[in-house]
Amino acid sequence: MTRPVIFLTSLMLLLGGCQSSPPPVSDYLLPSARQVSQSPEQIHVQLAGYLDTGAIVLELSDTRLHQARQHRWAEPLADQIRRALDVQLAAQGIRLADQPALDIRISAFQGTSDGQARLRAHWRCGEKEGRVDWQQALPEDGYDALVGTLDQGIAEMARQLAAALQG
């Protein structure tokens, strides 16, 4: 009787030792999205489907993407972009309450395999519209650097929008 108990106990310990705890999940916010925004309801952000999953995306090749399982957006990405863009536009002197609704379609918002951050978008505000095709090298490796650099892409999009809306 003791032999089967010892065997089962040993087997459970052995199998338990093979289990490993999953790696911790890290959640990220765009730095500009942490600030209080004035009128984010004027901004409508539509993300490409692959960006609307909660995962930070890495572009591995022209045809292959990787959605990080352990590195995720802390809240919906569209909400973060909306607030960050509103904050950045306000810094450029643009009050969206005085403008028609701003519609933005984001087709790329990711890191690349060669250490770049990429943002591609099409925007429309009333009769004005334009495209943003921005890319910048990361200052260092890692998701923190990627998120910070993507936030700089939002700032660049705000500069381009401000110039178009004021002109």
Foldseek 3Di string as FASTA:
>chain_A
DVVVVVVVVVVVVVVVVPDDDDDAADADAQPLLVDAFDCLVLEAEAEDPVLFPQFAKEAEDPPDIDGDPRYGHPDGPRSRLSRSLRSLLVVVVDDSVPFHRKYKYWHAAHHYPVQKTWTWIWIDTPPDIDIDTDMDGFPDDDDVSSSHVSSVVSNVVSVVVSVRVVD
